Amino acid sequence: GMEFNPDMMLQVIRNNIKFIEIPVRYLRRVGVSSATGDFKKTFVIGLGMLWLIFKHRLGFIKK
């Protein structure tokens, strides 16, 4: 789901893997985003990402 990117970043950081960030330029979106076009969906996605961070921090997800 939407937590994939934060999960990969947390795994990389926790395992001391060197990384670089590459900026990507996207074209302007046509229409409304299915994720961020609705406040409730955006809020639920944000809660899922926060829960993932807490699970990593509390040790529920191992290195």
N, C-alpha and C. Protein backbone atom coordinates (compact mmCIF):
# COMPACT_ATOMS: atom_id res chain seq x y z
N GLY A 1 0.80 -1.17 0.00
CA GLY A 1 0.00 0.00 0.00
C GLY A 1 0.86 1.26 0.00
N MET A 2 0.29 2.30 0.50
CA MET A 2 0.96 3.60 0.52
C MET A 2 2.12 3.63 1.52
N GLU A 3 2.21 2.64 2.40
CA GLU A 3 3.27 2.62 3.40
C GLU A 3 4.57 2.03 2.87
N PHE A 4 4.58 1.58 1.61
CA PHE A 4 5.76 0.91 1.06
C PHE A 4 7.00 1.81 1.10
N ASN A 5 6.89 3.04 0.61
CA ASN A 5 8.05 3.93 0.56
C ASN A 5 8.59 4.25 1.96
N PRO A 6 7.75 4.66 2.92
CA PRO A 6 8.29 4.91 4.26
C PRO A 6 8.91 3.66 4.88
N ASP A 7 8.32 2.49 4.61
CA ASP A 7 8.87 1.25 5.16
C ASP A 7 10.26 0.99 4.60
N MET A 8 10.45 1.17 3.30
CA MET A 8 11.77 0.95 2.70
C MET A 8 12.79 1.94 3.26
N MET A 9 12.38 3.20 3.42
CA MET A 9 13.30 4.21 3.98
C MET A 9 13.70 3.85 5.41
N LEU A 10 12.74 3.40 6.21
CA LEU A 10 13.05 3.01 7.59
C LEU A 10 13.99 1.80 7.62
N GLN A 11 13.77 0.83 6.73
CA GLN A 11 14.65 -0.34 6.67
C GLN A 11 16.07 0.07 6.29
N VAL A 12 16.19 0.96 5.32
CA VAL A 12 17.51 1.44 4.88
C VAL A 12 18.22 2.16 6.02
N ILE A 13 17.52 3.05 6.69
CA ILE A 13 18.12 3.83 7.77
C ILE A 13 18.51 2.93 8.95
N ARG A 14 17.62 2.01 9.33
CA ARG A 14 17.89 1.14 10.48
C ARG A 14 19.05 0.19 10.23
N ASN A 15 19.29 -0.15 8.96
CA ASN A 15 20.37 -1.08 8.63
C ASN A 15 21.62 -0.37 8.13
N ASN A 16 21.67 0.95 8.34
CA ASN A 16 22.84 1.76 7.97
C ASN A 16 23.28 1.56 6.53
N ILE A 17 22.32 1.49 5.63
CA ILE A 17 22.62 1.35 4.20
C ILE A 17 22.75 2.75 3.61
N LYS A 18 23.82 2.99 2.88
CA LYS A 18 24.00 4.29 2.25
C LYS A 18 22.99 4.44 1.12
N PHE A 19 22.47 5.64 0.97
CA PHE A 19 21.49 5.88 -0.09
C PHE A 19 21.61 7.31 -0.58
N ILE A 20 21.06 7.55 -1.74
CA ILE A 20 20.95 8.90 -2.28
C ILE A 20 19.50 9.10 -2.71
N GLU A 21 19.08 10.34 -2.67
CA GLU A 21 17.74 10.66 -3.15
C GLU A 21 17.87 11.32 -4.51
N ILE A 22 17.08 10.87 -5.44
CA ILE A 22 17.10 11.42 -6.79
C ILE A 22 15.77 12.15 -7.01
N PRO A 23 15.83 13.46 -7.25
CA PRO A 23 14.59 14.19 -7.47
C PRO A 23 13.94 13.77 -8.79
N VAL A 24 12.63 13.67 -8.77
CA VAL A 24 11.87 13.30 -9.96
C VAL A 24 10.88 14.41 -10.24
N ARG A 25 10.83 14.85 -11.48
CA ARG A 25 9.85 15.88 -11.87
C ARG A 25 8.68 15.19 -12.55
N TYR A 26 7.51 15.39 -12.03
CA TYR A 26 6.31 14.79 -12.59
C TYR A 26 5.56 15.83 -13.40
N LEU A 27 4.81 15.36 -14.38
CA LEU A 27 3.92 16.25 -15.12
C LEU A 27 2.73 16.58 -14.23
N ARG A 28 2.10 17.70 -14.50
CA ARG A 28 0.92 18.11 -13.73
C ARG A 28 -0.16 17.04 -13.88
N ARG A 29 -0.78 16.70 -12.76
CA ARG A 29 -1.82 15.67 -12.76
C ARG A 29 -3.07 16.17 -13.48
N VAL A 30 -3.68 15.26 -14.23
CA VAL A 30 -4.96 15.55 -14.86
C VAL A 30 -6.03 14.89 -14.00
N GLY A 31 -6.96 15.67 -13.50
CA GLY A 31 -8.00 15.10 -12.65
C GLY A 31 -7.62 15.18 -11.18
N VAL A 32 -8.28 14.36 -10.37
CA VAL A 32 -8.09 14.37 -8.92
C VAL A 32 -7.38 13.09 -8.49
N SER A 33 -6.43 13.22 -7.59
CA SER A 33 -5.70 12.07 -7.07
C SER A 33 -6.65 11.16 -6.30
N SER A 34 -6.49 9.85 -6.49
CA SER A 34 -7.35 8.91 -5.76
C SER A 34 -6.98 8.84 -4.28
N ALA A 35 -5.77 9.25 -3.94
CA ALA A 35 -5.32 9.18 -2.55
C ALA A 35 -5.43 10.52 -1.85
N THR A 36 -4.88 11.56 -2.43
CA THR A 36 -4.84 12.85 -1.75
C THR A 36 -5.95 13.79 -2.18
N GLY A 37 -6.85 13.34 -3.02
CA GLY A 37 -7.96 14.18 -3.44
C GLY A 37 -9.09 14.20 -2.42
N ASP A 38 -9.02 13.34 -1.43
CA ASP A 38 -10.07 13.23 -0.42
C ASP A 38 -9.42 13.29 0.96
N PHE A 39 -9.88 14.20 1.81
CA PHE A 39 -9.26 14.39 3.13
C PHE A 39 -9.29 13.11 3.96
N LYS A 40 -10.41 12.40 3.96
CA LYS A 40 -10.53 11.19 4.78
C LYS A 40 -9.50 10.14 4.34
N LYS A 41 -9.38 9.92 3.03
CA LYS A 41 -8.40 8.95 2.53
C LYS A 41 -6.98 9.38 2.89
N THR A 42 -6.70 10.67 2.72
CA THR A 42 -5.37 11.19 3.05
C THR A 42 -5.07 10.99 4.53
N PHE A 43 -6.05 11.25 5.38
CA PHE A 43 -5.89 11.09 6.82
C PHE A 43 -5.61 9.63 7.19
N VAL A 44 -6.35 8.71 6.59
CA VAL A 44 -6.17 7.28 6.87
C VAL A 44 -4.79 6.82 6.40
N ILE A 45 -4.35 7.30 5.23
CA ILE A 45 -3.01 6.96 4.73
C ILE A 45 -1.95 7.47 5.70
N GLY A 46 -2.12 8.71 6.17
CA GLY A 46 -1.18 9.29 7.13
C GLY A 46 -1.12 8.50 8.42
N LEU A 47 -2.27 8.07 8.92
CA LEU A 47 -2.30 7.24 10.13
C LEU A 47 -1.57 5.92 9.91
N GLY A 48 -1.75 5.33 8.74
CA GLY A 48 -1.06 4.08 8.42
C GLY A 48 0.44 4.27 8.42
N MET A 49 0.90 5.39 7.87
CA MET A 49 2.34 5.67 7.85
C MET A 49 2.87 5.91 9.26
N LEU A 50 2.13 6.66 10.07
CA LEU A 50 2.55 6.89 11.46
C LEU A 50 2.59 5.58 12.24
N TRP A 51 1.60 4.72 12.04
CA TRP A 51 1.57 3.43 12.73
C TRP A 51 2.79 2.60 12.34
N LEU A 52 3.15 2.63 11.07
CA LEU A 52 4.34 1.91 10.60
C LEU A 52 5.60 2.42 11.30
N ILE A 53 5.73 3.74 11.41
CA ILE A 53 6.89 4.34 12.08
C ILE A 53 6.93 3.91 13.55
N PHE A 54 5.79 3.93 14.23
CA PHE A 54 5.74 3.50 15.63
C PHE A 54 6.11 2.03 15.77
N LYS A 55 5.65 1.18 14.84
CA LYS A 55 6.00 -0.24 14.90
C LYS A 55 7.50 -0.44 14.77
N HIS A 56 8.12 0.32 13.86
CA HIS A 56 9.58 0.24 13.73
C HIS A 56 10.24 0.71 15.02
N ARG A 57 9.79 1.85 15.53
CA ARG A 57 10.41 2.46 16.71
C ARG A 57 10.27 1.58 17.94
N LEU A 58 9.13 0.92 18.09
CA LEU A 58 8.88 0.08 19.26
C LEU A 58 9.46 -1.33 19.12
N GLY A 59 10.03 -1.62 17.96
CA GLY A 59 10.69 -2.91 17.77
C GLY A 59 9.80 -4.04 17.31
N PHE A 60 8.57 -3.73 16.88
CA PHE A 60 7.69 -4.78 16.37
C PHE A 60 8.16 -5.29 15.01
N ILE A 61 8.92 -4.46 14.30
CA ILE A 61 9.50 -4.84 13.02
C ILE A 61 11.00 -4.90 13.22
N LYS A 62 11.57 -6.06 13.02
CA LYS A 62 13.00 -6.26 13.27
C LYS A 62 13.83 -5.76 12.09
N LYS A 63 15.12 -5.54 12.36
CA LYS A 63 16.05 -5.11 11.31
C LYS A 63 16.16 -6.17 10.25
